[in-house]
Amino acid sequence: MKKSAMIAVAILVVATMGLGAFRLQAQGPEANPVNPFAGKVIEVHYKHSSYSEGLQNVELKTFDGRRFLVGREIQDNYREGLETWFAMDDVALITIHKDVDDLNKRTKQAAKPE
C-alpha cells in the first residue's frame, strides 16, 4: 500500500472514531435536555405505599448518583408550593394530568367511598 493511501485510511479511521465518540456522548442523559414532564402536572405514586403526590414544574435531577423527580407540590397539604424531591427508586407510577383541576377532581373521585 502506498504511503498516501495509508495516511488516507488512518485519517478516515480517526475521523470515524471521533464521530462515534461524539454520537455516544450526545446520547448520554446529561446531553439530552428534553424534559418529558415540562409544563405538565403529574401525580407520583409511591412504590411501597398507597399514597401519591401531585407536582408541577417537574424536572429530573441527579444528586449523589441518584435520580430524582423535583417539582412543586400542588395538592392541599402542608408541603403545598414547596419544592419536593422524590427518589426515582421509590416511584412506582407517574400519572400525567391535563392540569391541576383534573388532578384534584380525579383524586377526590378516587377518595370517595363506593
N, C-alpha and C. Protein backbone atom coordinates (compact mmCIF):
# COMPACT_ATOMS: atom_id res chain seq x y z
N MET A 1 0.84 -1.17 0.00
CA MET A 1 0.00 0.00 0.00
C MET A 1 0.89 1.23 0.00
N LYS A 2 0.49 2.19 -0.80
CA LYS A 2 1.27 3.42 -0.89
C LYS A 2 1.13 4.21 0.41
N LYS A 3 2.13 5.03 0.66
CA LYS A 3 2.16 5.84 1.87
C LYS A 3 0.95 6.79 1.91
N SER A 4 0.59 7.39 0.79
CA SER A 4 -0.56 8.32 0.77
C SER A 4 -1.87 7.59 1.05
N ALA A 5 -2.00 6.35 0.57
CA ALA A 5 -3.21 5.57 0.82
C ALA A 5 -3.30 5.20 2.30
N MET A 6 -2.15 4.87 2.91
CA MET A 6 -2.13 4.53 4.34
C MET A 6 -2.52 5.75 5.18
N ILE A 7 -2.05 6.91 4.80
CA ILE A 7 -2.39 8.14 5.52
C ILE A 7 -3.89 8.43 5.39
N ALA A 8 -4.43 8.23 4.18
CA ALA A 8 -5.85 8.46 3.96
C ALA A 8 -6.70 7.51 4.81
N VAL A 9 -6.30 6.23 4.89
CA VAL A 9 -7.02 5.25 5.71
C VAL A 9 -6.92 5.64 7.19
N ALA A 10 -5.74 6.05 7.64
CA ALA A 10 -5.56 6.45 9.03
C ALA A 10 -6.46 7.65 9.36
N ILE A 11 -6.52 8.63 8.46
CA ILE A 11 -7.38 9.80 8.69
C ILE A 11 -8.84 9.38 8.75
N LEU A 12 -9.25 8.49 7.87
CA LEU A 12 -10.63 8.01 7.85
C LEU A 12 -10.97 7.28 9.15
N VAL A 13 -10.06 6.44 9.62
CA VAL A 13 -10.28 5.70 10.88
C VAL A 13 -10.40 6.67 12.05
N VAL A 14 -9.51 7.63 12.14
CA VAL A 14 -9.54 8.60 13.23
C VAL A 14 -10.82 9.42 13.18
N ALA A 15 -11.21 9.85 12.00
CA ALA A 15 -12.44 10.64 11.84
C ALA A 15 -13.66 9.83 12.24
N THR A 16 -13.72 8.57 11.83
CA THR A 16 -14.84 7.69 12.18
C THR A 16 -14.91 7.48 13.69
N MET A 17 -13.77 7.27 14.32
CA MET A 17 -13.74 7.08 15.78
C MET A 17 -14.21 8.35 16.48
N GLY A 18 -13.80 9.48 16.00
CA GLY A 18 -14.21 10.76 16.59
C GLY A 18 -15.70 10.97 16.48
N LEU A 19 -16.28 10.67 15.31
CA LEU A 19 -17.73 10.81 15.14
C LEU A 19 -18.49 9.83 16.02
N GLY A 20 -17.98 8.62 16.16
CA GLY A 20 -18.62 7.63 17.03
C GLY A 20 -18.61 8.07 18.48
N ALA A 21 -17.51 8.62 18.94
CA ALA A 21 -17.43 9.11 20.31
C ALA A 21 -18.37 10.28 20.52
N PHE A 22 -18.50 11.16 19.52
CA PHE A 22 -19.42 12.29 19.63
C PHE A 22 -20.86 11.78 19.72
N ARG A 23 -21.21 10.79 18.91
CA ARG A 23 -22.56 10.23 18.94
C ARG A 23 -22.87 9.62 20.29
N LEU A 24 -21.95 8.86 20.87
CA LEU A 24 -22.16 8.26 22.18
C LEU A 24 -22.34 9.34 23.24
N GLN A 25 -21.55 10.38 23.17
CA GLN A 25 -21.64 11.45 24.15
C GLN A 25 -22.99 12.17 24.01
N ALA A 26 -23.44 12.39 22.81
CA ALA A 26 -24.70 13.11 22.59
C ALA A 26 -25.90 12.31 23.07
N GLN A 27 -25.78 10.99 23.17
CA GLN A 27 -26.90 10.16 23.59
C GLN A 27 -26.96 10.01 25.11
N GLY A 28 -25.98 10.48 25.85
CA GLY A 28 -25.96 10.35 27.30
C GLY A 28 -27.04 11.19 27.96
N PRO A 29 -27.41 10.87 29.22
CA PRO A 29 -28.50 11.58 29.88
C PRO A 29 -28.23 13.06 30.10
N GLU A 30 -27.00 13.45 30.31
CA GLU A 30 -26.69 14.85 30.57
C GLU A 30 -26.76 15.69 29.29
N ALA A 31 -26.55 15.05 28.14
CA ALA A 31 -26.54 15.78 26.87
C ALA A 31 -27.93 15.97 26.30
N ASN A 32 -28.92 15.26 26.84
CA ASN A 32 -30.28 15.34 26.32
C ASN A 32 -31.10 16.27 27.21
N PRO A 33 -31.33 17.52 26.77
CA PRO A 33 -32.03 18.48 27.61
C PRO A 33 -33.56 18.31 27.62
N VAL A 34 -34.08 17.32 26.89
CA VAL A 34 -35.52 17.14 26.80
C VAL A 34 -36.07 16.69 28.15
N ASN A 35 -37.09 17.38 28.61
CA ASN A 35 -37.75 17.05 29.88
C ASN A 35 -39.16 16.56 29.56
N PRO A 36 -39.44 15.27 29.75
CA PRO A 36 -40.77 14.75 29.40
C PRO A 36 -41.88 15.32 30.28
N PHE A 37 -41.54 15.97 31.40
CA PHE A 37 -42.55 16.49 32.32
C PHE A 37 -42.68 18.01 32.27
N ALA A 38 -41.98 18.66 31.36
CA ALA A 38 -42.02 20.13 31.27
C ALA A 38 -43.45 20.60 31.02
N GLY A 39 -43.91 21.52 31.85
CA GLY A 39 -45.24 22.09 31.69
C GLY A 39 -46.38 21.17 32.05
N LYS A 40 -46.09 20.02 32.62
CA LYS A 40 -47.12 19.03 32.95
C LYS A 40 -47.42 19.04 34.44
N VAL A 41 -48.60 18.54 34.77
CA VAL A 41 -48.98 18.27 36.15
C VAL A 41 -48.94 16.75 36.29
N ILE A 42 -48.14 16.27 37.23
CA ILE A 42 -48.01 14.82 37.38
C ILE A 42 -48.40 14.40 38.79
N GLU A 43 -48.77 13.14 38.90
CA GLU A 43 -49.04 12.52 40.19
C GLU A 43 -48.02 11.39 40.35
N VAL A 44 -47.27 11.45 41.43
CA VAL A 44 -46.23 10.46 41.70
C VAL A 44 -46.78 9.46 42.72
N HIS A 45 -46.78 8.19 42.35
CA HIS A 45 -47.28 7.13 43.21
C HIS A 45 -46.09 6.39 43.83
N TYR A 46 -46.10 6.28 45.14
CA TYR A 46 -45.01 5.60 45.85
C TYR A 46 -45.04 4.10 45.58
N LYS A 47 -43.86 3.48 45.62
CA LYS A 47 -43.73 2.05 45.39
C LYS A 47 -44.35 1.22 46.51
N HIS A 48 -44.06 1.56 47.75
CA HIS A 48 -44.45 0.72 48.88
C HIS A 48 -45.52 1.38 49.74
N SER A 49 -46.45 2.09 49.10
CA SER A 49 -47.48 2.81 49.83
C SER A 49 -48.64 3.10 48.88
N SER A 50 -49.79 3.42 49.45
CA SER A 50 -50.93 3.78 48.62
C SER A 50 -50.99 5.30 48.40
N TYR A 51 -50.03 6.02 48.94
CA TYR A 51 -50.01 7.48 48.81
C TYR A 51 -49.47 7.93 47.45
N SER A 52 -49.92 9.12 47.07
CA SER A 52 -49.39 9.75 45.87
C SER A 52 -49.34 11.25 46.13
N GLU A 53 -48.54 11.95 45.36
CA GLU A 53 -48.38 13.40 45.49
C GLU A 53 -48.48 14.04 44.12
N GLY A 54 -49.07 15.22 44.07
CA GLY A 54 -49.17 15.97 42.84
C GLY A 54 -48.03 16.98 42.74
N LEU A 55 -47.42 17.07 41.56
CA LEU A 55 -46.31 18.00 41.33
C LEU A 55 -46.50 18.74 40.02
N GLN A 56 -45.97 19.95 39.97
CA GLN A 56 -45.91 20.69 38.71
C GLN A 56 -44.51 21.29 38.57
N ASN A 57 -44.19 21.77 37.37
CA ASN A 57 -42.84 22.30 37.07
C ASN A 57 -41.77 21.26 37.41
N VAL A 58 -41.99 20.05 36.93
CA VAL A 58 -41.15 18.91 37.31
C VAL A 58 -39.92 18.79 36.40
N GLU A 59 -38.80 18.47 37.03
CA GLU A 59 -37.54 18.20 36.33
C GLU A 59 -36.96 16.90 36.86
N LEU A 60 -36.14 16.27 36.06
CA LEU A 60 -35.34 15.14 36.52
C LEU A 60 -33.97 15.68 36.92
N LYS A 61 -33.55 15.37 38.15
CA LYS A 61 -32.24 15.84 38.63
C LYS A 61 -31.48 14.67 39.22
N THR A 62 -30.16 14.81 39.23
CA THR A 62 -29.30 13.80 39.83
C THR A 62 -28.61 14.41 41.04
N PHE A 63 -28.61 13.67 42.14
CA PHE A 63 -27.92 14.10 43.35
C PHE A 63 -27.26 12.88 43.96
N ASP A 64 -25.97 12.96 44.20
CA ASP A 64 -25.21 11.88 44.82
C ASP A 64 -25.41 10.55 44.08
N GLY A 65 -25.47 10.63 42.76
CA GLY A 65 -25.59 9.43 41.94
C GLY A 65 -27.00 8.87 41.83
N ARG A 66 -27.98 9.50 42.46
CA ARG A 66 -29.37 9.02 42.40
C ARG A 66 -30.21 9.99 41.58
N ARG A 67 -31.23 9.47 40.90
CA ARG A 67 -32.14 10.29 40.07
C ARG A 67 -33.37 10.66 40.91
N PHE A 68 -33.82 11.91 40.74
CA PHE A 68 -34.97 12.42 41.47
C PHE A 68 -35.93 13.14 40.54
N LEU A 69 -37.21 13.07 40.86
CA LEU A 69 -38.22 13.93 40.26
C LEU A 69 -38.33 15.13 41.20
N VAL A 70 -38.14 16.32 40.70
CA VAL A 70 -38.17 17.52 41.53
C VAL A 70 -39.23 18.46 40.99
N GLY A 71 -40.14 18.87 41.87
CA GLY A 71 -41.20 19.78 41.44
C GLY A 71 -41.89 20.44 42.62
N ARG A 72 -42.85 21.28 42.31
CA ARG A 72 -43.63 21.99 43.34
C ARG A 72 -44.88 21.18 43.69
N GLU A 73 -45.09 20.96 44.99
CA GLU A 73 -46.29 20.27 45.48
C GLU A 73 -47.52 21.10 45.13
N ILE A 74 -48.58 20.44 44.68
CA ILE A 74 -49.79 21.20 44.32
C ILE A 74 -51.02 20.75 45.07
N GLN A 75 -50.96 19.65 45.77
CA GLN A 75 -52.15 19.21 46.49
C GLN A 75 -52.22 19.91 47.84
N ASP A 76 -53.41 19.95 48.38
CA ASP A 76 -53.67 20.68 49.61
C ASP A 76 -53.10 19.93 50.82
N ASN A 77 -51.84 20.19 51.11
CA ASN A 77 -51.23 19.64 52.31
C ASN A 77 -50.18 20.63 52.80
N TYR A 78 -49.48 20.29 53.85
CA TYR A 78 -48.52 21.23 54.44
C TYR A 78 -47.33 21.52 53.53
N ARG A 79 -47.10 20.72 52.49
CA ARG A 79 -45.98 20.96 51.57
C ARG A 79 -46.41 21.70 50.31
N GLU A 80 -47.66 22.12 50.23
CA GLU A 80 -48.15 22.79 49.02
C GLU A 80 -47.26 23.98 48.67
N GLY A 81 -46.81 24.03 47.42
CA GLY A 81 -45.97 25.12 46.94
C GLY A 81 -44.48 24.93 47.19
N LEU A 82 -44.12 23.95 47.99
CA LEU A 82 -42.70 23.72 48.29
C LEU A 82 -42.05 22.83 47.23
N GLU A 83 -40.77 23.06 46.98
CA GLU A 83 -40.01 22.18 46.10
C GLU A 83 -39.81 20.86 46.81
N THR A 84 -40.17 19.77 46.13
CA THR A 84 -40.11 18.44 46.73
C THR A 84 -39.33 17.52 45.80
N TRP A 85 -38.45 16.69 46.39
CA TRP A 85 -37.63 15.73 45.65
C TRP A 85 -38.13 14.32 45.93
N PHE A 86 -38.46 13.58 44.88
CA PHE A 86 -38.86 12.19 45.01
C PHE A 86 -37.80 11.31 44.36
N ALA A 87 -37.23 10.38 45.13
CA ALA A 87 -36.24 9.46 44.58
C ALA A 87 -36.92 8.53 43.58
N MET A 88 -36.34 8.42 42.40
CA MET A 88 -36.92 7.57 41.36
C MET A 88 -36.99 6.11 41.80
N ASP A 89 -36.08 5.68 42.72
CA ASP A 89 -36.13 4.30 43.19
C ASP A 89 -37.42 4.02 43.97
N ASP A 90 -38.05 5.07 44.53
CA ASP A 90 -39.26 4.90 45.33
C ASP A 90 -40.54 5.13 44.54
N VAL A 91 -40.43 5.40 43.25
CA VAL A 91 -41.60 5.72 42.42
C VAL A 91 -42.06 4.46 41.69
N ALA A 92 -43.37 4.16 41.84
CA ALA A 92 -43.94 3.01 41.16
C ALA A 92 -44.63 3.41 39.87
N LEU A 93 -45.23 4.61 39.88
CA LEU A 93 -46.06 5.02 38.75
C LEU A 93 -46.09 6.54 38.69
N ILE A 94 -46.11 7.08 37.48
CA ILE A 94 -46.26 8.52 37.27
C ILE A 94 -47.46 8.70 36.35
N THR A 95 -48.44 9.48 36.82
CA THR A 95 -49.63 9.77 36.04
C THR A 95 -49.57 11.22 35.60
N ILE A 96 -49.77 11.48 34.31
CA ILE A 96 -49.75 12.84 33.79
C ILE A 96 -51.19 13.32 33.63
N HIS A 97 -51.49 14.46 34.23
CA HIS A 97 -52.84 15.04 34.20
C HIS A 97 -52.89 16.24 33.27
N LYS A 98 -54.11 16.61 32.85
CA LYS A 98 -54.31 17.76 31.98
C LYS A 98 -53.87 19.04 32.66
N ASP A 99 -54.29 19.19 33.92
CA ASP A 99 -53.98 20.39 34.70
C ASP A 99 -54.24 20.11 36.17
N VAL A 100 -54.09 21.12 37.01
CA VAL A 100 -54.27 20.95 38.46
C VAL A 100 -55.71 20.57 38.78
N ASP A 101 -56.67 21.20 38.11
CA ASP A 101 -58.09 20.87 38.36
C ASP A 101 -58.39 19.41 38.05
N ASP A 102 -57.83 18.89 36.96
CA ASP A 102 -58.03 17.49 36.61
C ASP A 102 -57.46 16.58 37.70
N LEU A 103 -56.28 16.88 38.19
CA LEU A 103 -55.67 16.08 39.27
C LEU A 103 -56.56 16.11 40.51
N ASN A 104 -56.99 17.31 40.92
CA ASN A 104 -57.82 17.43 42.12
C ASN A 104 -59.14 16.69 41.97
N LYS A 105 -59.77 16.81 40.80
CA LYS A 105 -61.05 16.13 40.55
C LYS A 105 -60.88 14.62 40.64
N ARG A 106 -59.84 14.11 40.01
CA ARG A 106 -59.64 12.65 40.00
C ARG A 106 -59.25 12.10 41.36
N THR A 107 -58.44 12.83 42.11
CA THR A 107 -58.07 12.33 43.44
C THR A 107 -59.26 12.37 44.39
N LYS A 108 -60.13 13.36 44.24
CA LYS A 108 -61.35 13.40 45.08
C LYS A 108 -62.29 12.26 44.72
N GLN A 109 -62.41 11.95 43.43
CA GLN A 109 -63.24 10.84 43.00
C GLN A 109 -62.71 9.52 43.54
N ALA A 110 -61.41 9.37 43.52
CA ALA A 110 -60.80 8.12 44.00
C ALA A 110 -60.96 7.96 45.50
N ALA A 111 -61.06 9.08 46.24
CA ALA A 111 -61.17 9.03 47.70
C ALA A 111 -62.59 8.75 48.17
N LYS A 112 -63.58 8.92 47.28
CA LYS A 112 -64.99 8.70 47.68
C LYS A 112 -65.22 7.22 47.95
N PRO A 113 -65.93 6.91 49.05
CA PRO A 113 -66.26 5.51 49.31
C PRO A 113 -67.31 5.02 48.31
N GLU A 114 -67.21 3.77 47.92
CA GLU A 114 -68.15 3.21 46.93
C GLU A 114 -69.35 2.64 47.59
